[in-house]
PDB file of N, CA and C in Angstrom:
ATOM      1  N   MET A   1     -11.390 -13.453 -10.245  1.00  0.00           N
ATOM      2  CA  MET A   1     -11.422 -13.415  -8.796  1.00  0.00           C
ATOM      3  C   MET A   1     -12.206 -14.627  -8.301  1.00  0.00           C
ATOM      4  N   THR A   2     -11.894 -15.051  -7.096  1.00  0.00           N
ATOM      5  CA  THR A   2     -12.555 -16.241  -6.569  1.00  0.00           C
ATOM      6  C   THR A   2     -13.547 -15.912  -5.467  1.00  0.00           C
ATOM      7  N   HIS A   3     -13.891 -14.655  -5.285  1.00  0.00           N
ATOM      8  CA  HIS A   3     -14.854 -14.304  -4.253  1.00  0.00           C
ATOM      9  C   HIS A   3     -16.197 -13.984  -4.883  1.00  0.00           C
ATOM     10  N   ASP A   4     -17.216 -14.042  -4.068  1.00  0.00           N
ATOM     11  CA  ASP A   4     -18.553 -13.707  -4.531  1.00  0.00           C
ATOM     12  C   ASP A   4     -18.908 -12.345  -3.959  1.00  0.00           C
ATOM     13  N   ALA A   5     -18.853 -11.315  -4.796  1.00  0.00           N
ATOM     14  CA  ALA A   5     -19.106  -9.952  -4.332  1.00  0.00           C
ATOM     15  C   ALA A   5     -20.493  -9.807  -3.726  1.00  0.00           C
ATOM     16  N   ALA A   6     -21.446 -10.610  -4.153  1.00  0.00           N
ATOM     17  CA  ALA A   6     -22.801 -10.522  -3.616  1.00  0.00           C
ATOM     18  C   ALA A   6     -22.853 -10.867  -2.132  1.00  0.00           C
ATOM     19  N   ASP A   7     -21.861 -11.624  -1.647  1.00  0.00           N
ATOM     20  CA  ASP A   7     -21.820 -11.956  -0.221  1.00  0.00           C
ATOM     21  C   ASP A   7     -21.642 -10.724   0.642  1.00  0.00           C
ATOM     22  N   HIS A   8     -21.118  -9.640   0.070  1.00  0.00           N
ATOM     23  CA  HIS A   8     -20.820  -8.449   0.851  1.00  0.00           C
ATOM     24  C   HIS A   8     -21.539  -7.215   0.323  1.00  0.00           C
ATOM     25  N   ASP A   9     -22.693  -7.398  -0.262  1.00  0.00           N
ATOM     26  CA  ASP A   9     -23.452  -6.270  -0.775  1.00  0.00           C
ATOM     27  C   ASP A   9     -23.993  -5.380   0.337  1.00  0.00           C
ATOM     28  N   ASP A  10     -23.952  -5.849   1.584  1.00  0.00           N
ATOM     29  CA  ASP A  10     -24.439  -5.051   2.694  1.00  0.00           C
ATOM     30  C   ASP A  10     -23.429  -3.992   3.120  1.00  0.00           C
ATOM     31  N   LEU A  11     -22.191  -4.072   2.624  1.00  0.00           N
ATOM     32  CA  LEU A  11     -21.176  -3.084   2.966  1.00  0.00           C
ATOM     33  C   LEU A  11     -21.372  -1.835   2.135  1.00  0.00           C
ATOM     34  N   ASP A  12     -21.283  -0.691   2.782  1.00  0.00           N
ATOM     35  CA  ASP A  12     -21.419   0.574   2.067  1.00  0.00           C
ATOM     36  C   ASP A  12     -20.049   1.000   1.561  1.00  0.00           C
ATOM     37  N   LEU A  13     -19.795   0.773   0.283  1.00  0.00           N
ATOM     38  CA  LEU A  13     -18.520   1.140  -0.320  1.00  0.00           C
ATOM     39  C   LEU A  13     -18.639   2.420  -1.137  1.00  0.00           C
ATOM     40  N   THR A  14     -19.778   3.111  -1.020  1.00  0.00           N
ATOM     41  CA  THR A  14     -20.007   4.312  -1.814  1.00  0.00           C
ATOM     42  C   THR A  14     -19.818   5.582  -1.008  1.00  0.00           C
ATOM     43  N   GLY A  15     -19.561   5.473   0.280  1.00  0.00           N
ATOM     44  CA  GLY A  15     -19.417   6.651   1.129  1.00  0.00           C
ATOM     45  C   GLY A  15     -18.121   7.386   0.856  1.00  0.00           C
ATOM     46  N   ASP A  16     -17.785   8.292   1.773  1.00  0.00           N
ATOM     47  CA  ASP A  16     -16.545   9.046   1.636  1.00  0.00           C
ATOM     48  C   ASP A  16     -15.357   8.098   1.622  1.00  0.00           C
ATOM     49  N   ALA A  17     -14.368   8.459   0.825  1.00  0.00           N
ATOM     50  CA  ALA A  17     -13.166   7.631   0.715  1.00  0.00           C
ATOM     51  C   ALA A  17     -12.407   7.657   2.046  1.00  0.00           C
ATOM     52  N   ASP A  18     -11.957   6.506   2.459  1.00  0.00           N
ATOM     53  CA  ASP A  18     -11.158   6.370   3.672  1.00  0.00           C
ATOM     54  C   ASP A  18      -9.699   6.606   3.288  1.00  0.00           C
ATOM     55  N   PRO A  19      -9.061   7.667   3.782  1.00  0.00           N
ATOM     56  CA  PRO A  19      -7.691   7.978   3.353  1.00  0.00           C
ATOM     57  C   PRO A  19      -6.702   6.850   3.616  1.00  0.00           C
ATOM     58  N   LEU A  20      -6.799   6.202   4.766  1.00  0.00           N
ATOM     59  CA  LEU A  20      -5.874   5.112   5.072  1.00  0.00           C
ATOM     60  C   LEU A  20      -6.090   3.947   4.111  1.00  0.00           C
ATOM     61  N   LEU A  21      -7.328   3.601   3.883  1.00  0.00           N
ATOM     62  CA  LEU A  21      -7.639   2.504   2.964  1.00  0.00           C
ATOM     63  C   LEU A  21      -7.189   2.847   1.548  1.00  0.00           C
ATOM     64  N   GLU A  22      -7.348   4.097   1.134  1.00  0.00           N
ATOM     65  CA  GLU A  22      -6.914   4.518  -0.198  1.00  0.00           C
ATOM     66  C   GLU A  22      -5.404   4.360  -0.362  1.00  0.00           C
ATOM     67  N   VAL A  23      -4.634   4.682   0.674  1.00  0.00           N
ATOM     68  CA  VAL A  23      -3.175   4.532   0.614  1.00  0.00           C
ATOM     69  C   VAL A  23      -2.803   3.058   0.515  1.00  0.00           C
ATOM     70  N   VAL A  24      -3.457   2.221   1.312  1.00  0.00           N
ATOM     71  CA  VAL A  24      -3.176   0.785   1.294  1.00  0.00           C
ATOM     72  C   VAL A  24      -3.524   0.192  -0.070  1.00  0.00           C
ATOM     73  N   LEU A  25      -4.666   0.568  -0.617  1.00  0.00           N
ATOM     74  CA  LEU A  25      -5.079   0.052  -1.925  1.00  0.00           C
ATOM     75  C   LEU A  25      -4.153   0.536  -3.037  1.00  0.00           C
ATOM     76  N   ALA A  26      -3.765   1.800  -2.989  1.00  0.00           N
ATOM     77  CA  ALA A  26      -2.856   2.328  -4.008  1.00  0.00           C
ATOM     78  C   ALA A  26      -1.512   1.605  -3.954  1.00  0.00           C
ATOM     79  N   ASP A  27      -1.039   1.324  -2.750  1.00  0.00           N
ATOM     80  CA  ASP A  27       0.228   0.605  -2.594  1.00  0.00           C
ATOM     81  C   ASP A  27       0.110  -0.828  -3.115  1.00  0.00           C
ATOM     82  N   ALA A  28      -1.006  -1.477  -2.816  1.00  0.00           N
ATOM     83  CA  ALA A  28      -1.191  -2.874  -3.223  1.00  0.00           C
ATOM     84  C   ALA A  28      -1.421  -3.011  -4.723  1.00  0.00           C
ATOM     85  N   LEU A  29      -2.177  -2.086  -5.305  1.00  0.00           N
ATOM     86  CA  LEU A  29      -2.562  -2.228  -6.713  1.00  0.00           C
ATOM     87  C   LEU A  29      -1.660  -1.462  -7.676  1.00  0.00           C
ATOM     88  N   GLY A  30      -0.825  -0.578  -7.166  1.00  0.00           N
ATOM     89  CA  GLY A  30       0.040   0.234  -8.011  1.00  0.00           C
ATOM     90  C   GLY A  30       0.820  -0.541  -9.054  1.00  0.00           C
ATOM     91  N   PRO A  31       1.476  -1.642  -8.683  1.00  0.00           N
ATOM     92  CA  PRO A  31       2.259  -2.390  -9.665  1.00  0.00           C
ATOM     93  C   PRO A  31       1.422  -3.020 -10.789  1.00  0.00           C
ATOM     94  N   TYR A  32       0.120  -3.103 -10.613  1.00  0.00           N
ATOM     95  CA  TYR A  32      -0.731  -3.802 -11.581  1.00  0.00           C
ATOM     96  C   TYR A  32      -1.580  -2.861 -12.436  1.00  0.00           C
ATOM     97  N   LEU A  33      -1.450  -1.549 -12.246  1.00  0.00           N
ATOM     98  CA  LEU A  33      -2.317  -0.607 -12.954  1.00  0.00           C
ATOM     99  C   LEU A  33      -2.188  -0.710 -14.473  1.00  0.00           C
ATOM    100  N   ARG A  34      -1.001  -0.975 -14.971  1.00  0.00           N
ATOM    101  CA  ARG A  34      -0.816  -1.072 -16.425  1.00  0.00           C
ATOM    102  C   ARG A  34      -1.131  -2.458 -16.960  1.00  0.00           C
ATOM    103  N   ALA A  35      -1.142  -3.455 -16.085  1.00  0.00           N
ATOM    104  CA  ALA A  35      -1.345  -4.836 -16.535  1.00  0.00           C
ATOM    105  C   ALA A  35      -2.817  -5.252 -16.518  1.00  0.00           C
ATOM    106  N   LEU A  36      -3.629  -4.584 -15.719  1.00  0.00           N
ATOM    107  CA  LEU A  36      -5.030  -4.973 -15.576  1.00  0.00           C
ATOM    108  C   LEU A  36      -5.951  -3.920 -16.179  1.00  0.00           C
ATOM    109  N   SER A  37      -7.121  -4.366 -16.566  1.00  0.00           N
ATOM    110  CA  SER A  37      -8.120  -3.440 -17.103  1.00  0.00           C
ATOM    111  C   SER A  37      -8.732  -2.644 -15.949  1.00  0.00           C
ATOM    112  N   PRO A  38      -9.352  -1.506 -16.250  1.00  0.00           N
ATOM    113  CA  PRO A  38     -10.012  -0.737 -15.194  1.00  0.00           C
ATOM    114  C   PRO A  38     -11.064  -1.555 -14.438  1.00  0.00           C
ATOM    115  N   GLU A  39     -11.750  -2.446 -15.143  1.00  0.00           N
ATOM    116  CA  GLU A  39     -12.754  -3.279 -14.488  1.00  0.00           C
ATOM    117  C   GLU A  39     -12.103  -4.245 -13.502  1.00  0.00           C
ATOM    118  N   GLU A  40     -10.964  -4.813 -13.910  1.00  0.00           N
ATOM    119  CA  GLU A  40     -10.248  -5.726 -13.008  1.00  0.00           C
ATOM    120  C   GLU A  40      -9.701  -4.987 -11.790  1.00  0.00           C
ATOM    121  N   ILE A  41      -9.174  -3.792 -12.011  1.00  0.00           N
ATOM    122  CA  ILE A  41      -8.667  -2.982 -10.894  1.00  0.00           C
ATOM    123  C   ILE A  41      -9.800  -2.695  -9.913  1.00  0.00           C
ATOM    124  N   GLU A  42     -10.954  -2.311 -10.429  1.00  0.00           N
ATOM    125  CA  GLU A  42     -12.096  -2.012  -9.557  1.00  0.00           C
ATOM    126  C   GLU A  42     -12.554  -3.253  -8.799  1.00  0.00           C
ATOM    127  N   ASP A  43     -12.520  -4.409  -9.472  1.00  0.00           N
ATOM    128  CA  ASP A  43     -12.891  -5.658  -8.817  1.00  0.00           C
ATOM    129  C   ASP A  43     -11.918  -5.975  -7.682  1.00  0.00           C
ATOM    130  N   TYR A  44     -10.615  -5.803  -7.931  1.00  0.00           N
ATOM    131  CA  TYR A  44      -9.623  -6.040  -6.879  1.00  0.00           C
ATOM    132  C   TYR A  44      -9.750  -5.018  -5.749  1.00  0.00           C
ATOM    133  N   ARG A  45     -10.054  -3.759  -6.088  1.00  0.00           N
ATOM    134  CA  ARG A  45     -10.252  -2.733  -5.045  1.00  0.00           C
ATOM    135  C   ARG A  45     -11.394  -3.142  -4.122  1.00  0.00           C
ATOM    136  N   ARG A  46     -12.500  -3.602  -4.728  1.00  0.00           N
ATOM    137  CA  ARG A  46     -13.654  -4.017  -3.922  1.00  0.00           C
ATOM    138  C   ARG A  46     -13.295  -5.222  -3.062  1.00  0.00           C
ATOM    139  N   PHE A  47     -12.632  -6.216  -3.672  1.00  0.00           N
ATOM    140  CA  PHE A  47     -12.237  -7.406  -2.931  1.00  0.00           C
ATOM    141  C   PHE A  47     -11.316  -7.050  -1.760  1.00  0.00           C
ATOM    142  N   LEU A  48     -10.292  -6.243  -2.029  1.00  0.00           N
ATOM    143  CA  LEU A  48      -9.353  -5.878  -0.962  1.00  0.00           C
ATOM    144  C   LEU A  48     -10.017  -5.037   0.120  1.00  0.00           C
ATOM    145  N   THR A  49     -10.935  -4.167  -0.275  1.00  0.00           N
ATOM    146  CA  THR A  49     -11.662  -3.368   0.719  1.00  0.00           C
ATOM    147  C   THR A  49     -12.450  -4.268   1.656  1.00  0.00           C
ATOM    148  N   VAL A  50     -13.169  -5.225   1.097  1.00  0.00           N
ATOM    149  CA  VAL A  50     -13.941  -6.169   1.909  1.00  0.00           C
ATOM    150  C   VAL A  50     -13.000  -6.997   2.778  1.00  0.00           C
ATOM    151  N   PHE A  51     -11.912  -7.488   2.184  1.00  0.00           N
ATOM    152  CA  PHE A  51     -10.965  -8.320   2.926  1.00  0.00           C
ATOM    153  C   PHE A  51     -10.343  -7.548   4.085  1.00  0.00           C
ATOM    154  N   ILE A  52      -9.843  -6.352   3.814  1.00  0.00           N
ATOM    155  CA  ILE A  52      -9.151  -5.564   4.843  1.00  0.00           C
ATOM    156  C   ILE A  52     -10.089  -5.189   5.977  1.00  0.00           C
ATOM    157  N   THR A  53     -11.328  -4.911   5.664  1.00  0.00           N
ATOM    158  CA  THR A  53     -12.252  -4.434   6.696  1.00  0.00           C
ATOM    159  C   THR A  53     -13.030  -5.534   7.406  1.00  0.00           C
ATOM    160  N   THR A  54     -13.000  -6.774   6.872  1.00  0.00           N
ATOM    161  CA  THR A  54     -13.809  -7.814   7.505  1.00  0.00           C
ATOM    162  C   THR A  54     -13.050  -9.056   7.942  1.00  0.00           C
ATOM    163  N   HIS A  55     -11.960  -9.403   7.290  1.00  0.00           N
ATOM    164  CA  HIS A  55     -11.234 -10.617   7.653  1.00  0.00           C
ATOM    165  C   HIS A  55     -10.551 -10.422   9.000  1.00  0.00           C
ATOM    166  N   PRO A  56     -10.649 -11.389   9.915  1.00  0.00           N
ATOM    167  CA  PRO A  56     -10.089 -11.211  11.262  1.00  0.00           C
ATOM    168  C   PRO A  56      -8.600 -10.853  11.277  1.00  0.00           C
ATOM    169  N   ALA A  57      -7.796 -11.490  10.457  1.00  0.00           N
ATOM    170  CA  ALA A  57      -6.360 -11.198  10.460  1.00  0.00           C
ATOM    171  C   ALA A  57      -6.090  -9.801   9.893  1.00  0.00           C
ATOM    172  N   ALA A  58      -6.724  -9.467   8.793  1.00  0.00           N
ATOM    173  CA  ALA A  58      -6.499  -8.169   8.166  1.00  0.00           C
ATOM    174  C   ALA A  58      -7.122  -7.043   8.985  1.00  0.00           C
ATOM    175  N   ALA A  59      -8.277  -7.276   9.569  1.00  0.00           N
ATOM    176  CA  ALA A  59      -8.935  -6.238  10.366  1.00  0.00           C
ATOM    177  C   ALA A  59      -8.081  -5.866  11.576  1.00  0.00           C
ATOM    178  N   ALA A  60      -7.392  -6.841  12.162  1.00  0.00           N
ATOM    179  CA  ALA A  60      -6.509  -6.543  13.303  1.00  0.00           C
ATOM    180  C   ALA A  60      -5.353  -5.647  12.856  1.00  0.00           C
ATOM    181  N   LEU A  61      -4.793  -5.920  11.679  1.00  0.00           N
ATOM    182  CA  LEU A  61      -3.721  -5.066  11.153  1.00  0.00           C
ATOM    183  C   LEU A  61      -4.255  -3.681  10.808  1.00  0.00           C
ATOM    184  N   ASP A  62      -5.454  -3.624  10.269  1.00  0.00           N
ATOM    185  CA  ASP A  62      -6.086  -2.350   9.949  1.00  0.00           C
ATOM    186  C   ASP A  62      -6.266  -1.523  11.224  1.00  0.00           C
ATOM    187  N   ASP A  63      -6.696  -2.160  12.298  1.00  0.00           N
ATOM    188  CA  ASP A  63      -6.864  -1.464  13.580  1.00  0.00           C
ATOM    189  C   ASP A  63      -5.535  -0.916  14.088  1.00  0.00           C
ATOM    190  N   ARG A  64      -4.456  -1.712  13.930  1.00  0.00           N
ATOM    191  CA  ARG A  64      -3.133  -1.253  14.365  1.00  0.00           C
ATOM    192  C   ARG A  64      -2.668  -0.052  13.551  1.00  0.00           C
ATOM    193  N   LEU A  65      -2.919  -0.071  12.251  1.00  0.00           N
ATOM    194  CA  LEU A  65      -2.543   1.070  11.415  1.00  0.00           C
ATOM    195  C   LEU A  65      -3.315   2.319  11.824  1.00  0.00           C
ATOM    196  N   ARG A  66      -4.575   2.162  12.137  1.00  0.00           N
ATOM    197  CA  ARG A  66      -5.399   3.312  12.514  1.00  0.00           C
ATOM    198  C   ARG A  66      -5.000   3.886  13.872  1.00  0.00           C
ATOM    199  N   ALA A  67      -4.395   3.063  14.724  1.00  0.00           N
ATOM    200  CA  ALA A  67      -3.974   3.526  16.043  1.00  0.00           C
ATOM    201  C   ALA A  67      -2.690   4.355  15.979  1.00  0.00           C
ATOM    202  N   ARG A  68      -1.933   4.231  14.875  1.00  0.00           N
ATOM    203  CA  ARG A  68      -0.693   4.993  14.724  1.00  0.00           C
ATOM    204  C   ARG A  68      -0.999   6.448  14.413  1.00  0.00           C
ATOM    205  N   HIS A  69      -0.008   7.289  14.666  1.00  0.00           N
ATOM    206  CA  HIS A  69      -0.168   8.707  14.351  1.00  0.00           C
ATOM    207  C   HIS A  69      -0.274   8.884  12.846  1.00  0.00           C
ATOM    208  N   PRO A  70      -1.062   9.841  12.399  1.00  0.00           N
ATOM    209  CA  PRO A  70      -1.219  10.039  10.958  1.00  0.00           C
ATOM    210  C   PRO A  70       0.083  10.521  10.325  1.00  0.00           C
ATOM    211  N   VAL A  71       0.242  10.208   9.063  1.00  0.00           N
ATOM    212  CA  VAL A  71       1.397  10.656   8.303  1.00  0.00           C
ATOM    213  C   VAL A  71       1.181  12.114   7.943  1.00  0.00           C
ATOM    214  N   LEU A  72       2.221  12.919   8.104  1.00  0.00           N
ATOM    215  CA  LEU A  72       2.110  14.331   7.759  1.00  0.00           C
ATOM    216  C   LEU A  72       1.970  14.492   6.258  1.00  0.00           C
ATOM    217  N   SER A  73       1.162  15.432   5.841  1.00  0.00           N
ATOM    218  CA  SER A  73       0.962  15.644   4.417  1.00  0.00           C
ATOM    219  C   SER A  73       1.973  16.619   3.836  1.00  0.00           C
ATOM    220  N   GLU A  74       2.772  17.229   4.680  1.00  0.00           N
ATOM    221  CA  GLU A  74       3.803  18.131   4.184  1.00  0.00           C
ATOM    222  C   GLU A  74       5.066  17.933   4.998  1.00  0.00           C
ATOM    223  N   SER A  75       6.185  18.273   4.426  1.00  0.00           N
ATOM    224  CA  SER A  75       7.438  18.086   5.133  1.00  0.00           C
ATOM    225  C   SER A  75       7.650  19.217   6.133  1.00  0.00           C
ATOM    226  N   GLY A  76       8.468  18.950   7.100  1.00  0.00           N
ATOM    227  CA  GLY A  76       8.759  19.954   8.116  1.00  0.00           C
ATOM    228  C   GLY A  76       9.377  19.293   9.327  1.00  0.00           C
ATOM    229  N   THR A  77       9.582  20.059  10.356  1.00  0.00           N
ATOM    230  CA  THR A  77      10.176  19.562  11.580  1.00  0.00           C
ATOM    231  C   THR A  77       9.102  18.899  12.430  1.00  0.00           C
ATOM    232  N   VAL A  78       9.414  17.718  12.930  1.00  0.00           N
ATOM    233  CA  VAL A  78       8.488  16.984  13.779  1.00  0.00           C
ATOM    234  C   VAL A  78       9.175  16.735  15.112  1.00  0.00           C
ATOM    235  N   ALA A  79       8.538  17.146  16.189  1.00  0.00           N
ATOM    236  CA  ALA A  79       9.101  16.924  17.515  1.00  0.00           C
ATOM    237  C   ALA A  79       8.900  15.469  17.902  1.00  0.00           C
ATOM    238  N   ARG A  80       9.974  14.850  18.383  1.00  0.00           N
ATOM    239  CA  ARG A  80       9.886  13.476  18.861  1.00  0.00           C
ATOM    240  C   ARG A  80      10.067  13.487  20.362  1.00  0.00           C
ATOM    241  N   GLU A  81       9.278  12.698  21.031  1.00  0.00           N
ATOM    242  CA  GLU A  81       9.312  12.632  22.477  1.00  0.00           C
ATOM    243  C   GLU A  81      10.689  12.178  22.949  1.00  0.00           C
ATOM    244  N   GLY A  82      11.320  12.971  23.825  1.00  0.00           N
ATOM    245  CA  GLY A  82      12.599  12.598  24.409  1.00  0.00           C
ATOM    246  C   GLY A  82      13.796  12.808  23.515  1.00  0.00           C
ATOM    247  N   ALA A  83      13.615  13.338  22.334  1.00  0.00           N
ATOM    248  CA  ALA A  83      14.739  13.527  21.415  1.00  0.00           C
ATOM    249  C   ALA A  83      15.070  15.002  21.302  1.00  0.00           C
ATOM    250  N   GLY A  84      16.329  15.316  21.474  1.00  0.00           N
ATOM    251  CA  GLY A  84      16.797  16.672  21.235  1.00  0.00           C
ATOM    252  C   GLY A  84      16.408  17.691  22.276  1.00  0.00           C
ATOM    253  N   GLU A  85      15.979  17.269  23.441  1.00  0.00           N
ATOM    254  CA  GLU A  85      15.594  18.230  24.466  1.00  0.00           C
ATOM    255  C   GLU A  85      16.839  18.948  24.967  1.00  0.00           C
ATOM    256  N   GLY A  86      16.852  20.264  24.833  1.00  0.00           N
ATOM    257  CA  GLY A  86      17.969  21.055  25.307  1.00  0.00           C
ATOM    258  C   GLY A  86      19.156  21.080  24.364  1.00  0.00           C
ATOM    259  N   GLU A  87      19.085  20.401  23.227  1.00  0.00           N
ATOM    260  CA  GLU A  87      20.182  20.389  22.267  1.00  0.00           C
ATOM    261  C   GLU A  87      19.997  21.500  21.246  1.00  0.00           C
ATOM    262  N   ALA A  88      21.105  22.031  20.769  1.00  0.00           N
ATOM    263  CA  ALA A  88      21.039  23.032  19.716  1.00  0.00           C
ATOM    264  C   ALA A  88      20.679  22.339  18.411  1.00  0.00           C
ATOM    265  N   VAL A  89      19.727  22.893  17.701  1.00  0.00           N
ATOM    266  CA  VAL A  89      19.292  22.320  16.434  1.00  0.00           C
ATOM    267  C   VAL A  89      20.005  23.063  15.315  1.00  0.00           C
ATOM    268  N   PRO A  90      20.722  22.336  14.427  1.00  0.00           N
ATOM    269  CA  PRO A  90      21.435  23.018  13.340  1.00  0.00           C
ATOM    270  C   PRO A  90      20.456  23.668  12.372  1.00  0.00           C
ATOM    271  N   GLU A  91      20.883  24.743  11.787  1.00  0.00           N
ATOM    272  CA  GLU A  91      20.073  25.430  10.789  1.00  0.00           C
ATOM    273  C   GLU A  91      20.041  24.602   9.510  1.00  0.00           C
ATOM    274  N   PRO A  92      18.921  24.599   8.790  1.00  0.00           N
ATOM    275  CA  PRO A  92      18.868  23.870   7.521  1.00  0.00           C
ATOM    276  C   PRO A  92      19.930  24.401   6.553  1.00  0.00           C
ATOM    277  N   GLY A  93      20.558  23.509   5.826  1.00  0.00           N
ATOM    278  CA  GLY A  93      21.546  23.893   4.839  1.00  0.00           C
ATOM    279  C   GLY A  93      22.921  24.184   5.415  1.00  0.00           C
ATOM    280  N   ASP A  94      23.181  23.749   6.660  1.00  0.00           N
ATOM    281  CA  ASP A  94      24.489  24.027   7.258  1.00  0.00           C
ATOM    282  C   ASP A  94      25.527  22.968   6.894  1.00  0.00           C
ATOM    283  N   GLY A  95      25.173  22.026   6.019  1.00  0.00           N
ATOM    284  CA  GLY A  95      26.129  21.031   5.555  1.00  0.00           C
ATOM    285  C   GLY A  95      26.271  19.822   6.459  1.00  0.00           C
ATOM    286  N   THR A  96      25.358  19.648   7.395  1.00  0.00           N
ATOM    287  CA  THR A  96      25.431  18.488   8.290  1.00  0.00           C
ATOM    288  C   THR A  96      24.261  17.577   8.024  1.00  0.00           C
ATOM    289  N   PHE A  97      24.392  16.381   8.505  1.00  0.00           N
ATOM    290  CA  PHE A  97      23.297  15.420   8.439  1.00  0.00           C
ATOM    291  C   PHE A  97      22.917  15.094   9.872  1.00  0.00           C
ATOM    292  N   GLY A  98      21.759  15.554  10.278  1.00  0.00           N
ATOM    293  CA  GLY A  98      21.294  15.291  11.641  1.00  0.00           C
ATOM    294  C   GLY A  98      22.111  16.017  12.682  1.00  0.00           C
ATOM    295  N   GLY A  99      22.797  17.107  12.304  1.00  0.00           N
ATOM    296  CA  GLY A  99      23.548  17.887  13.274  1.00  0.00           C
ATOM    297  C   GLY A  99      24.929  17.336  13.551  1.00  0.00           C
ATOM    298  N   ARG A 100      25.354  16.305  12.840  1.00  0.00           N
ATOM    299  CA  ARG A 100      26.688  15.718  13.041  1.00  0.00           C
ATOM    300  C   ARG A 100      27.642  16.285  12.017  1.00  0.00           C
ATOM    301  N   ARG A 101      28.848  16.499  12.413  1.00  0.00           N
ATOM    302  CA  ARG A 101      29.883  16.989  11.491  1.00  0.00           C
ATOM    303  C   ARG A 101      30.918  15.939  11.291  1.00  0.00           C
TER     304      ARG A 101
END
């Protein structure tokens, strides 16, 4: 790595895990889990955490992600504003896709 971790020792990275940050890190590092050692993965996790939370370009994207509605943790019906008002909703398993035949 080309960063100096000591530059960011003032950041508290030991607190509760941030769910959004964990998803972003898992997505970014997932392809490399088998290629890198656990120490390298941890080093990249720390680097990306510092980068995402402090770099002006990345922090702006992080803020935009946090402003979005959270992802549901389970599947189910989600009401969308202005969609399907007054329309009959097909029963699950009726052989249609989105109510179209």
